[in-house]
N, C-alpha and C. Protein backbone atom coordinates (compact mmCIF):
# COMPACT_ATOMS: atom_id res chain seq x y z
N MET A 1 -13.42 -32.25 -31.95
CA MET A 1 -14.54 -31.96 -31.05
C MET A 1 -15.21 -33.28 -30.66
N GLY A 2 -15.48 -33.48 -29.36
CA GLY A 2 -16.12 -34.70 -28.88
C GLY A 2 -17.63 -34.63 -29.03
N TRP A 3 -18.29 -35.79 -28.83
CA TRP A 3 -19.74 -35.85 -28.99
C TRP A 3 -20.46 -34.98 -27.97
N GLN A 4 -19.87 -34.83 -26.74
CA GLN A 4 -20.50 -33.96 -25.74
C GLN A 4 -20.58 -32.52 -26.24
N ASP A 5 -19.49 -32.06 -26.87
CA ASP A 5 -19.47 -30.70 -27.42
C ASP A 5 -20.47 -30.56 -28.56
N THR A 6 -20.59 -31.62 -29.38
CA THR A 6 -21.55 -31.60 -30.49
C THR A 6 -22.96 -31.45 -29.96
N VAL A 7 -23.29 -32.23 -28.91
CA VAL A 7 -24.62 -32.15 -28.30
C VAL A 7 -24.86 -30.76 -27.74
N ALA A 8 -23.89 -30.26 -26.96
CA ALA A 8 -24.05 -28.94 -26.33
C ALA A 8 -24.23 -27.84 -27.37
N GLN A 9 -23.43 -27.87 -28.43
CA GLN A 9 -23.52 -26.83 -29.46
C GLN A 9 -24.84 -26.92 -30.23
N THR A 10 -25.32 -28.13 -30.49
CA THR A 10 -26.58 -28.31 -31.21
C THR A 10 -27.74 -27.77 -30.38
N VAL A 11 -27.76 -28.11 -29.09
CA VAL A 11 -28.84 -27.65 -28.19
C VAL A 11 -28.83 -26.13 -28.10
N THR A 12 -27.65 -25.55 -27.90
CA THR A 12 -27.52 -24.10 -27.76
C THR A 12 -27.91 -23.38 -29.06
N ALA A 13 -27.49 -23.93 -30.20
CA ALA A 13 -27.80 -23.31 -31.49
C ALA A 13 -29.30 -23.26 -31.75
N LEU A 14 -30.06 -24.19 -31.17
CA LEU A 14 -31.51 -24.21 -31.34
C LEU A 14 -32.21 -23.36 -30.28
N GLY A 15 -31.43 -22.70 -29.41
CA GLY A 15 -32.00 -21.77 -28.44
C GLY A 15 -32.35 -22.36 -27.09
N PHE A 16 -31.84 -23.57 -26.78
CA PHE A 16 -32.15 -24.23 -25.52
C PHE A 16 -30.91 -24.31 -24.63
N ASP A 17 -31.12 -24.64 -23.37
CA ASP A 17 -30.04 -24.92 -22.43
C ASP A 17 -29.90 -26.43 -22.27
N LEU A 18 -28.65 -26.91 -22.19
CA LEU A 18 -28.39 -28.32 -21.90
C LEU A 18 -28.39 -28.48 -20.39
N VAL A 19 -29.34 -29.25 -19.86
CA VAL A 19 -29.47 -29.45 -18.42
C VAL A 19 -28.66 -30.67 -17.98
N ASP A 20 -28.75 -31.75 -18.74
CA ASP A 20 -28.07 -32.99 -18.35
C ASP A 20 -27.77 -33.81 -19.60
N LEU A 21 -26.75 -34.65 -19.47
CA LEU A 21 -26.32 -35.48 -20.59
C LEU A 21 -25.81 -36.80 -20.03
N GLU A 22 -26.39 -37.91 -20.50
CA GLU A 22 -26.01 -39.25 -20.02
C GLU A 22 -25.71 -40.14 -21.20
N ARG A 23 -24.73 -41.04 -21.01
CA ARG A 23 -24.48 -42.07 -22.02
C ARG A 23 -24.40 -43.40 -21.29
N SER A 24 -25.32 -44.31 -21.59
CA SER A 24 -25.34 -45.59 -20.89
C SER A 24 -24.52 -46.62 -21.64
N ALA A 25 -24.19 -47.70 -20.94
CA ALA A 25 -23.39 -48.77 -21.55
C ALA A 25 -24.12 -49.42 -22.71
N GLY A 26 -25.46 -49.38 -22.70
CA GLY A 26 -26.24 -50.00 -23.77
C GLY A 26 -26.35 -49.16 -25.03
N GLY A 27 -25.64 -48.03 -25.08
CA GLY A 27 -25.66 -47.19 -26.28
C GLY A 27 -26.73 -46.13 -26.30
N LEU A 28 -27.37 -45.89 -25.15
CA LEU A 28 -28.40 -44.85 -25.08
C LEU A 28 -27.76 -43.50 -24.77
N LEU A 29 -28.11 -42.50 -25.56
CA LEU A 29 -27.75 -41.11 -25.27
C LEU A 29 -29.01 -40.42 -24.77
N ARG A 30 -28.98 -39.93 -23.53
CA ARG A 30 -30.14 -39.23 -22.96
C ARG A 30 -29.75 -37.77 -22.77
N VAL A 31 -30.48 -36.89 -23.44
CA VAL A 31 -30.19 -35.46 -23.43
C VAL A 31 -31.39 -34.74 -22.80
N THR A 32 -31.12 -33.95 -21.75
CA THR A 32 -32.18 -33.20 -21.08
C THR A 32 -31.98 -31.72 -21.36
N VAL A 33 -33.03 -31.08 -21.87
CA VAL A 33 -32.94 -29.68 -22.28
C VAL A 33 -34.03 -28.85 -21.61
N ASP A 34 -33.82 -27.55 -21.57
CA ASP A 34 -34.82 -26.63 -21.04
C ASP A 34 -34.66 -25.30 -21.76
N TRP A 35 -35.69 -24.47 -21.67
CA TRP A 35 -35.58 -23.12 -22.21
C TRP A 35 -34.67 -22.30 -21.31
N PRO A 36 -33.86 -21.41 -21.87
CA PRO A 36 -33.01 -20.56 -21.02
C PRO A 36 -33.87 -19.67 -20.14
N TRP A 37 -33.33 -19.30 -18.99
CA TRP A 37 -34.05 -18.43 -18.06
C TRP A 37 -33.09 -17.36 -17.55
N GLN A 38 -33.54 -16.14 -17.53
CA GLN A 38 -32.76 -15.03 -16.99
C GLN A 38 -33.54 -14.41 -15.84
N PRO A 39 -32.85 -14.06 -14.74
CA PRO A 39 -33.56 -13.40 -13.64
C PRO A 39 -34.14 -12.07 -14.11
N PRO A 40 -35.33 -11.70 -13.60
CA PRO A 40 -35.93 -10.44 -14.02
C PRO A 40 -35.11 -9.25 -13.51
N ALA A 41 -35.19 -8.14 -14.24
CA ALA A 41 -34.52 -6.91 -13.79
C ALA A 41 -35.19 -6.44 -12.50
N ASP A 42 -34.46 -5.64 -11.71
CA ASP A 42 -34.98 -5.14 -10.44
C ASP A 42 -36.36 -4.51 -10.63
N GLY A 43 -37.28 -4.94 -9.78
CA GLY A 43 -38.62 -4.37 -9.80
C GLY A 43 -39.54 -4.99 -10.84
N GLN A 44 -39.02 -5.83 -11.71
CA GLN A 44 -39.84 -6.45 -12.74
C GLN A 44 -40.44 -7.76 -12.21
N PRO A 45 -41.64 -8.12 -12.68
CA PRO A 45 -42.23 -9.39 -12.24
C PRO A 45 -41.46 -10.58 -12.81
N ARG A 46 -41.54 -11.69 -12.11
CA ARG A 46 -40.89 -12.93 -12.56
C ARG A 46 -41.57 -13.38 -13.85
N PRO A 47 -40.78 -13.72 -14.89
CA PRO A 47 -41.41 -14.16 -16.14
C PRO A 47 -42.10 -15.52 -15.95
N PRO A 48 -43.18 -15.77 -16.69
CA PRO A 48 -43.85 -17.07 -16.56
C PRO A 48 -42.93 -18.18 -17.06
N GLU A 49 -43.07 -19.36 -16.47
CA GLU A 49 -42.26 -20.51 -16.89
C GLU A 49 -42.65 -20.92 -18.31
N ARG A 50 -41.65 -21.27 -19.09
CA ARG A 50 -41.86 -21.75 -20.45
C ARG A 50 -41.46 -23.21 -20.47
N PHE A 51 -42.32 -24.07 -20.95
CA PHE A 51 -42.07 -25.50 -20.88
C PHE A 51 -41.67 -26.07 -22.24
N VAL A 52 -40.78 -27.05 -22.21
CA VAL A 52 -40.34 -27.75 -23.42
C VAL A 52 -41.48 -28.65 -23.88
N THR A 53 -41.80 -28.59 -25.17
CA THR A 53 -42.90 -29.40 -25.72
C THR A 53 -42.35 -30.62 -26.46
N VAL A 54 -43.26 -31.53 -26.80
CA VAL A 54 -42.89 -32.70 -27.59
C VAL A 54 -42.33 -32.26 -28.94
N GLU A 55 -42.92 -31.22 -29.53
CA GLU A 55 -42.44 -30.71 -30.82
C GLU A 55 -41.01 -30.17 -30.70
N ASP A 56 -40.70 -29.51 -29.57
CA ASP A 56 -39.34 -29.02 -29.34
C ASP A 56 -38.36 -30.21 -29.31
N CYS A 57 -38.74 -31.26 -28.59
CA CYS A 57 -37.87 -32.44 -28.47
C CYS A 57 -37.66 -33.11 -29.82
N GLU A 58 -38.72 -33.17 -30.62
CA GLU A 58 -38.59 -33.78 -31.95
C GLU A 58 -37.64 -32.97 -32.83
N ARG A 59 -37.75 -31.63 -32.76
CA ARG A 59 -36.88 -30.77 -33.57
C ARG A 59 -35.43 -30.93 -33.15
N ILE A 60 -35.17 -30.97 -31.85
CA ILE A 60 -33.81 -31.14 -31.35
C ILE A 60 -33.28 -32.51 -31.73
N THR A 61 -34.12 -33.54 -31.61
CA THR A 61 -33.70 -34.91 -31.96
C THR A 61 -33.25 -34.99 -33.41
N ARG A 62 -34.06 -34.43 -34.33
CA ARG A 62 -33.71 -34.47 -35.75
C ARG A 62 -32.36 -33.79 -36.01
N GLN A 63 -32.19 -32.61 -35.44
CA GLN A 63 -30.94 -31.86 -35.66
C GLN A 63 -29.75 -32.59 -35.03
N MET A 64 -29.98 -33.19 -33.86
CA MET A 64 -28.89 -33.86 -33.17
C MET A 64 -28.48 -35.15 -33.87
N GLN A 65 -29.46 -35.88 -34.41
CA GLN A 65 -29.13 -37.10 -35.16
C GLN A 65 -28.22 -36.76 -36.34
N TYR A 66 -28.54 -35.69 -37.03
CA TYR A 66 -27.71 -35.26 -38.16
C TYR A 66 -26.30 -34.88 -37.68
N ALA A 67 -26.22 -34.08 -36.61
CA ALA A 67 -24.91 -33.63 -36.10
C ALA A 67 -24.06 -34.79 -35.60
N LEU A 68 -24.69 -35.75 -34.92
CA LEU A 68 -23.94 -36.90 -34.39
C LEU A 68 -23.47 -37.82 -35.52
N GLU A 69 -24.27 -37.90 -36.60
CA GLU A 69 -23.87 -38.70 -37.76
C GLU A 69 -22.64 -38.07 -38.43
N VAL A 70 -22.67 -36.75 -38.58
CA VAL A 70 -21.52 -36.04 -39.16
C VAL A 70 -20.28 -36.25 -38.29
N GLU A 71 -20.48 -36.22 -36.97
CA GLU A 71 -19.37 -36.40 -36.02
C GLU A 71 -18.87 -37.84 -35.99
N GLY A 72 -19.72 -38.78 -36.46
CA GLY A 72 -19.34 -40.20 -36.44
C GLY A 72 -19.53 -40.83 -35.07
N THR A 73 -20.45 -40.31 -34.28
CA THR A 73 -20.69 -40.83 -32.93
C THR A 73 -21.48 -42.12 -33.01
N ASP A 74 -21.00 -43.14 -32.29
CA ASP A 74 -21.68 -44.44 -32.27
C ASP A 74 -22.65 -44.49 -31.09
N TYR A 75 -23.93 -44.67 -31.39
CA TYR A 75 -24.94 -44.82 -30.34
C TYR A 75 -26.09 -45.63 -30.91
N ARG A 76 -26.88 -46.24 -30.04
CA ARG A 76 -28.01 -47.05 -30.49
C ARG A 76 -29.32 -46.27 -30.48
N ARG A 77 -29.50 -45.42 -29.44
CA ARG A 77 -30.76 -44.72 -29.30
C ARG A 77 -30.51 -43.33 -28.72
N LEU A 78 -31.31 -42.37 -29.14
CA LEU A 78 -31.20 -41.00 -28.66
C LEU A 78 -32.53 -40.60 -28.03
N GLU A 79 -32.47 -40.13 -26.79
CA GLU A 79 -33.66 -39.62 -26.11
C GLU A 79 -33.44 -38.16 -25.76
N VAL A 80 -34.36 -37.32 -26.17
CA VAL A 80 -34.32 -35.90 -25.82
C VAL A 80 -35.57 -35.60 -25.02
N GLY A 81 -35.40 -34.99 -23.85
CA GLY A 81 -36.56 -34.71 -23.00
C GLY A 81 -36.36 -33.47 -22.15
N SER A 82 -37.44 -33.12 -21.45
CA SER A 82 -37.39 -31.98 -20.53
C SER A 82 -36.98 -32.48 -19.15
N PRO A 83 -36.63 -31.57 -18.23
CA PRO A 83 -36.09 -32.00 -16.94
C PRO A 83 -37.06 -32.74 -16.03
N GLY A 84 -38.35 -32.49 -16.12
CA GLY A 84 -39.30 -33.18 -15.26
C GLY A 84 -39.44 -32.51 -13.90
N ILE A 85 -40.23 -33.13 -13.01
CA ILE A 85 -40.54 -32.49 -11.73
C ILE A 85 -39.40 -32.58 -10.72
N ASP A 86 -38.40 -33.42 -10.99
CA ASP A 86 -37.25 -33.49 -10.07
C ASP A 86 -36.00 -32.95 -10.77
N ARG A 87 -36.16 -31.82 -11.40
CA ARG A 87 -35.11 -31.17 -12.18
C ARG A 87 -33.86 -30.95 -11.34
N PRO A 88 -32.69 -31.30 -11.86
CA PRO A 88 -31.46 -31.00 -11.13
C PRO A 88 -31.16 -29.50 -11.11
N LEU A 89 -30.60 -29.04 -10.00
CA LEU A 89 -30.17 -27.65 -9.87
C LEU A 89 -28.65 -27.68 -9.76
N ARG A 90 -27.96 -27.04 -10.70
CA ARG A 90 -26.51 -27.12 -10.72
C ARG A 90 -25.82 -25.76 -10.66
N HIS A 91 -26.46 -24.76 -11.23
CA HIS A 91 -25.82 -23.45 -11.37
C HIS A 91 -26.55 -22.40 -10.54
N GLU A 92 -25.87 -21.31 -10.27
CA GLU A 92 -26.47 -20.21 -9.52
C GLU A 92 -27.79 -19.78 -10.14
N ASN A 93 -27.85 -19.74 -11.46
CA ASN A 93 -29.07 -19.32 -12.16
C ASN A 93 -30.24 -20.27 -11.86
N ASP A 94 -29.95 -21.58 -11.69
CA ASP A 94 -31.00 -22.54 -11.34
C ASP A 94 -31.58 -22.20 -9.97
N PHE A 95 -30.71 -21.85 -9.02
CA PHE A 95 -31.18 -21.53 -7.67
C PHE A 95 -31.98 -20.23 -7.67
N LEU A 96 -31.55 -19.25 -8.47
CA LEU A 96 -32.32 -18.01 -8.60
C LEU A 96 -33.70 -18.29 -9.19
N ARG A 97 -33.72 -19.14 -10.20
CA ARG A 97 -34.97 -19.44 -10.91
C ARG A 97 -35.99 -20.12 -10.01
N PHE A 98 -35.51 -21.02 -9.13
CA PHE A 98 -36.43 -21.82 -8.33
C PHE A 98 -36.46 -21.41 -6.85
N GLU A 99 -36.03 -20.18 -6.57
CA GLU A 99 -36.14 -19.65 -5.21
C GLU A 99 -37.61 -19.69 -4.78
N GLY A 100 -37.86 -20.16 -3.55
CA GLY A 100 -39.22 -20.28 -3.05
C GLY A 100 -39.84 -21.65 -3.27
N GLN A 101 -39.17 -22.51 -4.05
CA GLN A 101 -39.67 -23.87 -4.29
C GLN A 101 -39.09 -24.82 -3.24
N VAL A 102 -39.73 -25.98 -3.08
CA VAL A 102 -39.22 -27.02 -2.19
C VAL A 102 -38.19 -27.83 -2.98
N ILE A 103 -37.01 -27.99 -2.38
CA ILE A 103 -35.94 -28.73 -3.05
C ILE A 103 -35.37 -29.79 -2.12
N ASP A 104 -34.71 -30.78 -2.71
CA ASP A 104 -33.95 -31.79 -1.98
C ASP A 104 -32.47 -31.51 -2.22
N ILE A 105 -31.69 -31.50 -1.14
CA ILE A 105 -30.24 -31.36 -1.33
C ILE A 105 -29.53 -32.50 -0.59
N THR A 106 -28.40 -32.90 -1.15
CA THR A 106 -27.49 -33.83 -0.51
C THR A 106 -26.16 -33.12 -0.40
N LEU A 107 -25.65 -33.01 0.82
CA LEU A 107 -24.38 -32.34 1.06
C LEU A 107 -23.22 -33.28 0.80
N LYS A 108 -22.07 -32.73 0.44
CA LYS A 108 -20.87 -33.54 0.26
C LYS A 108 -20.40 -34.10 1.59
N ALA A 109 -20.55 -33.31 2.65
CA ALA A 109 -20.15 -33.74 3.99
C ALA A 109 -21.28 -33.41 4.95
N PRO A 110 -21.49 -34.25 5.99
CA PRO A 110 -22.56 -33.97 6.95
C PRO A 110 -22.37 -32.61 7.61
N LEU A 111 -23.49 -31.93 7.85
CA LEU A 111 -23.42 -30.59 8.43
C LEU A 111 -24.70 -30.33 9.19
N GLY A 112 -24.61 -30.12 10.50
CA GLY A 112 -25.79 -29.87 11.32
C GLY A 112 -26.32 -28.47 11.08
N ALA A 113 -27.64 -28.28 11.29
CA ALA A 113 -28.26 -26.96 11.14
C ALA A 113 -28.45 -26.36 12.52
N ASN A 114 -27.62 -25.40 12.87
CA ASN A 114 -27.71 -24.71 14.16
C ASN A 114 -27.70 -25.69 15.33
N GLY A 115 -27.04 -26.83 15.18
CA GLY A 115 -26.94 -27.79 16.27
C GLY A 115 -28.22 -28.58 16.51
N ALA A 116 -29.28 -28.30 15.75
CA ALA A 116 -30.57 -28.96 15.99
C ALA A 116 -30.75 -30.21 15.15
N VAL A 117 -29.85 -30.45 14.22
CA VAL A 117 -29.97 -31.57 13.30
C VAL A 117 -28.85 -32.56 13.58
N SER A 118 -29.15 -33.85 13.41
CA SER A 118 -28.15 -34.89 13.60
C SER A 118 -26.86 -34.55 12.84
N ALA A 119 -25.74 -34.69 13.50
CA ALA A 119 -24.45 -34.29 12.91
C ALA A 119 -24.09 -35.11 11.69
N ASN A 120 -24.64 -36.34 11.55
CA ASN A 120 -24.26 -37.17 10.40
C ASN A 120 -25.28 -37.11 9.26
N ARG A 121 -26.21 -36.19 9.34
CA ARG A 121 -27.24 -36.06 8.30
C ARG A 121 -26.70 -35.29 7.11
N LYS A 122 -26.97 -35.81 5.90
CA LYS A 122 -26.51 -35.14 4.68
C LYS A 122 -27.65 -34.76 3.75
N LYS A 123 -28.84 -35.34 3.94
CA LYS A 123 -29.97 -35.09 3.04
C LYS A 123 -31.01 -34.23 3.73
N PHE A 124 -31.49 -33.23 3.00
CA PHE A 124 -32.47 -32.30 3.54
C PHE A 124 -33.50 -31.95 2.48
N ARG A 125 -34.71 -31.64 2.93
CA ARG A 125 -35.76 -31.12 2.05
C ARG A 125 -36.32 -29.88 2.71
N GLY A 126 -36.38 -28.79 1.95
CA GLY A 126 -36.92 -27.56 2.49
C GLY A 126 -37.16 -26.55 1.39
N THR A 127 -37.67 -25.40 1.79
CA THR A 127 -37.95 -24.31 0.85
C THR A 127 -36.67 -23.52 0.61
N LEU A 128 -36.32 -23.34 -0.65
CA LEU A 128 -35.10 -22.63 -1.02
C LEU A 128 -35.29 -21.13 -0.83
N GLU A 129 -34.37 -20.51 -0.07
CA GLU A 129 -34.42 -19.07 0.17
C GLU A 129 -33.01 -18.50 0.09
N ARG A 130 -32.95 -17.20 -0.13
CA ARG A 130 -31.67 -16.48 -0.07
C ARG A 130 -31.47 -16.06 1.38
N ALA A 131 -30.34 -16.41 1.97
CA ALA A 131 -30.05 -16.05 3.36
C ALA A 131 -29.60 -14.60 3.45
N ALA A 132 -29.65 -14.06 4.66
CA ALA A 132 -29.28 -12.66 4.87
C ALA A 132 -27.83 -12.38 4.49
N ASP A 133 -26.95 -13.39 4.64
CA ASP A 133 -25.53 -13.20 4.33
C ASP A 133 -25.22 -13.39 2.84
N GLY A 134 -26.28 -13.58 2.02
CA GLY A 134 -26.07 -13.74 0.57
C GLY A 134 -25.91 -15.17 0.13
N ARG A 135 -25.72 -16.10 1.11
CA ARG A 135 -25.65 -17.52 0.76
C ARG A 135 -27.07 -18.03 0.54
N TRP A 136 -27.19 -19.31 0.17
CA TRP A 136 -28.48 -19.95 0.04
C TRP A 136 -28.82 -20.70 1.32
N GLN A 137 -30.10 -20.94 1.54
CA GLN A 137 -30.53 -21.76 2.67
C GLN A 137 -31.81 -22.48 2.30
N ILE A 138 -32.05 -23.59 3.02
CA ILE A 138 -33.36 -24.21 2.94
C ILE A 138 -33.97 -24.14 4.33
N VAL A 139 -35.28 -23.94 4.34
CA VAL A 139 -36.02 -23.76 5.59
C VAL A 139 -37.12 -24.81 5.64
N TRP A 140 -37.26 -25.46 6.81
CA TRP A 140 -38.30 -26.47 6.95
C TRP A 140 -38.77 -26.55 8.40
N SER A 141 -39.86 -27.25 8.59
CA SER A 141 -40.40 -27.54 9.90
C SER A 141 -40.56 -29.05 9.99
N ASP A 142 -40.26 -29.62 11.15
CA ASP A 142 -40.46 -31.06 11.33
C ASP A 142 -41.88 -31.39 11.78
N GLU A 143 -42.79 -30.43 11.59
CA GLU A 143 -44.20 -30.63 11.91
C GLU A 143 -44.75 -31.73 11.00
N PRO A 144 -45.39 -32.77 11.58
CA PRO A 144 -45.95 -33.80 10.70
C PRO A 144 -47.09 -33.22 9.87
N PRO A 145 -47.26 -33.70 8.65
CA PRO A 145 -48.34 -33.16 7.81
C PRO A 145 -49.71 -33.49 8.40
N VAL A 146 -50.66 -32.58 8.22
CA VAL A 146 -52.02 -32.79 8.70
C VAL A 146 -52.76 -33.67 7.70
N LYS A 147 -53.37 -34.74 8.21
CA LYS A 147 -54.11 -35.64 7.33
C LYS A 147 -55.48 -35.05 7.03
N PRO A 148 -56.04 -35.37 5.87
CA PRO A 148 -57.38 -34.85 5.54
C PRO A 148 -58.39 -35.21 6.62
N GLY A 149 -59.17 -34.21 7.07
CA GLY A 149 -60.18 -34.44 8.09
C GLY A 149 -59.68 -34.40 9.51
N GLN A 150 -58.35 -34.33 9.69
CA GLN A 150 -57.78 -34.32 11.04
C GLN A 150 -57.96 -32.94 11.67
N ARG A 151 -58.38 -32.93 12.94
CA ARG A 151 -58.54 -31.67 13.66
C ARG A 151 -57.22 -31.31 14.32
N VAL A 152 -56.86 -30.06 14.21
CA VAL A 152 -55.61 -29.59 14.83
C VAL A 152 -55.98 -28.60 15.93
N SER A 153 -55.47 -28.85 17.12
CA SER A 153 -55.75 -27.97 18.26
C SER A 153 -55.11 -26.61 18.03
N LYS A 154 -55.88 -25.56 18.29
CA LYS A 154 -55.34 -24.21 18.15
C LYS A 154 -54.34 -23.90 19.25
N LYS A 155 -54.37 -24.70 20.33
CA LYS A 155 -53.45 -24.46 21.46
C LYS A 155 -52.08 -25.10 21.21
N ARG A 156 -52.02 -26.03 20.26
CA ARG A 156 -50.76 -26.73 20.03
C ARG A 156 -49.73 -25.80 19.42
N GLU A 157 -48.55 -25.79 20.00
CA GLU A 157 -47.46 -24.96 19.48
C GLU A 157 -46.92 -25.59 18.19
N PRO A 158 -46.79 -24.81 17.13
CA PRO A 158 -46.21 -25.38 15.91
C PRO A 158 -44.72 -25.68 16.10
N ALA A 159 -44.24 -26.69 15.38
CA ALA A 159 -42.81 -27.02 15.45
C ALA A 159 -42.02 -25.84 14.91
N PRO A 160 -40.87 -25.55 15.53
CA PRO A 160 -40.10 -24.39 15.06
C PRO A 160 -39.53 -24.61 13.66
N LEU A 161 -39.35 -23.52 12.94
CA LEU A 161 -38.70 -23.60 11.64
C LEU A 161 -37.21 -23.81 11.85
N GLN A 162 -36.62 -24.60 10.98
CA GLN A 162 -35.18 -24.81 11.00
C GLN A 162 -34.62 -24.34 9.66
N ALA A 163 -33.38 -23.90 9.69
CA ALA A 163 -32.74 -23.42 8.47
C ALA A 163 -31.34 -24.00 8.35
N LEU A 164 -30.96 -24.28 7.14
CA LEU A 164 -29.61 -24.78 6.86
C LEU A 164 -29.03 -23.92 5.75
N GLY A 165 -27.99 -23.17 6.06
CA GLY A 165 -27.30 -22.36 5.06
C GLY A 165 -26.24 -23.19 4.35
N PHE A 166 -26.01 -22.88 3.08
CA PHE A 166 -25.02 -23.64 2.33
C PHE A 166 -24.51 -22.82 1.16
N THR A 167 -23.35 -23.22 0.65
CA THR A 167 -22.84 -22.67 -0.60
C THR A 167 -22.97 -23.76 -1.66
N LEU A 168 -22.93 -23.40 -2.92
CA LEU A 168 -23.06 -24.40 -3.98
C LEU A 168 -21.92 -25.40 -3.94
N ASP A 169 -20.74 -24.98 -3.45
CA ASP A 169 -19.59 -25.88 -3.36
C ASP A 169 -19.81 -27.00 -2.35
N GLU A 170 -20.72 -26.81 -1.38
CA GLU A 170 -20.96 -27.82 -0.34
C GLU A 170 -21.97 -28.88 -0.76
N ILE A 171 -22.57 -28.71 -1.94
CA ILE A 171 -23.66 -29.60 -2.38
C ILE A 171 -23.13 -30.68 -3.31
N ALA A 172 -23.50 -31.94 -3.01
CA ALA A 172 -23.21 -33.04 -3.93
C ALA A 172 -24.29 -33.12 -4.99
N GLN A 173 -25.55 -32.87 -4.58
CA GLN A 173 -26.67 -32.93 -5.51
C GLN A 173 -27.81 -32.06 -4.99
N ALA A 174 -28.48 -31.38 -5.90
CA ALA A 174 -29.68 -30.59 -5.55
C ALA A 174 -30.70 -30.80 -6.66
N ARG A 175 -31.96 -30.99 -6.27
CA ARG A 175 -33.05 -31.19 -7.22
C ARG A 175 -34.31 -30.54 -6.69
N LEU A 176 -35.21 -30.18 -7.61
CA LEU A 176 -36.55 -29.81 -7.19
C LEU A 176 -37.17 -31.04 -6.54
N ALA A 177 -37.89 -30.85 -5.45
CA ALA A 177 -38.56 -31.97 -4.79
C ALA A 177 -39.68 -32.47 -5.71
N PRO A 178 -39.73 -33.79 -5.98
CA PRO A 178 -40.75 -34.31 -6.89
C PRO A 178 -42.10 -34.41 -6.18
N ILE A 179 -42.76 -33.27 -6.06
CA ILE A 179 -44.04 -33.19 -5.35
C ILE A 179 -45.15 -33.02 -6.37
N VAL A 180 -46.13 -33.89 -6.31
CA VAL A 180 -47.27 -33.80 -7.21
C VAL A 180 -48.39 -33.07 -6.48
N ASN A 181 -48.81 -31.96 -7.06
CA ASN A 181 -49.89 -31.17 -6.49
C ASN A 181 -50.76 -30.75 -7.64
N PHE A 182 -51.97 -31.26 -7.69
CA PHE A 182 -52.84 -30.99 -8.84
C PHE A 182 -53.40 -29.59 -8.85
N LYS A 183 -53.16 -28.81 -7.79
CA LYS A 183 -53.60 -27.42 -7.76
C LYS A 183 -52.49 -26.47 -8.17
N GLY A 184 -51.30 -26.99 -8.42
CA GLY A 184 -50.17 -26.14 -8.82
C GLY A 184 -48.99 -26.39 -7.92
N ARG A 185 -47.79 -26.34 -8.49
CA ARG A 185 -46.58 -26.70 -7.78
C ARG A 185 -46.24 -25.78 -6.62
N GLY A 186 -46.59 -24.50 -6.71
CA GLY A 186 -46.09 -23.51 -5.77
C GLY A 186 -46.44 -23.72 -4.31
N THR A 187 -47.54 -24.41 -3.97
CA THR A 187 -47.95 -24.51 -2.58
C THR A 187 -47.77 -25.91 -2.01
N ALA A 188 -47.20 -26.80 -2.77
CA ALA A 188 -47.09 -28.18 -2.32
C ALA A 188 -45.87 -28.39 -1.47
N GLY A 189 -45.87 -29.51 -0.76
CA GLY A 189 -44.63 -29.96 -0.15
C GLY A 189 -44.69 -30.08 1.34
N GLU A 190 -44.16 -31.20 1.83
CA GLU A 190 -43.95 -31.32 3.25
C GLU A 190 -42.47 -31.10 3.47
N ALA A 191 -42.06 -29.86 3.64
CA ALA A 191 -40.65 -29.55 3.78
C ALA A 191 -40.14 -30.18 5.06
N GLY A 192 -38.93 -30.72 5.01
CA GLY A 192 -38.30 -31.29 6.19
C GLY A 192 -38.18 -32.79 6.11
N ALA A 193 -39.12 -33.47 5.44
CA ALA A 193 -39.05 -34.92 5.34
C ALA A 193 -37.85 -35.28 4.48
N GLU A 194 -37.06 -36.24 4.97
CA GLU A 194 -35.89 -36.64 4.19
C GLU A 194 -36.35 -37.43 2.99
N PRO A 195 -35.81 -37.12 1.80
CA PRO A 195 -36.19 -37.87 0.61
C PRO A 195 -35.61 -39.27 0.66
N ALA A 196 -36.25 -40.18 -0.04
CA ALA A 196 -35.73 -41.54 -0.13
C ALA A 196 -34.45 -41.54 -0.94
N ASP A 197 -33.55 -42.47 -0.62
CA ASP A 197 -32.31 -42.58 -1.39
C ASP A 197 -32.63 -42.94 -2.82
N ARG A 198 -31.95 -42.28 -3.75
CA ARG A 198 -32.09 -42.62 -5.15
C ARG A 198 -30.94 -43.53 -5.52
N THR A 199 -31.25 -44.70 -6.05
CA THR A 199 -30.17 -45.62 -6.43
C THR A 199 -30.05 -45.69 -7.91
């Protein structure tokens, strides 16, 4: 059994999901965990989000250090943490969990949205929704954000909403948009603005 399997089994045995796993050249093992999430049954309310605590990370770290020592894995440092505000979305369950949130996606190949988007564009930010055909889509408006104190004419036509449908196979990367909103995550976001390249 390899060290990746050891990490995955340790995380799962403690009741968590393994979100991400990195091993750097400097000997750092970075493990990202979250509480498991199941979609609610039909007609049931969405369960409240459960967040990983520092105590959870400490418990996982202790157990993982022991398991990696037994496995004989060579590493210098172990970091266990929660996904953060730019959590990666990889599985169908992730998309179900964060439906209605603003996300950033990068497509494997450029794909225009209804002919209204540049044909060579691959990065999009929008609100994640389930499309009528059962696929996923993100929806956004290219309306510039209103600055505090700015007056907006009631006669001005709002920019039209745009939508981009996609399958999970077409995505190179998807993440929650790292939007800081001190009133709560659910209402934040300037959907449509292209995210900066992550290097």
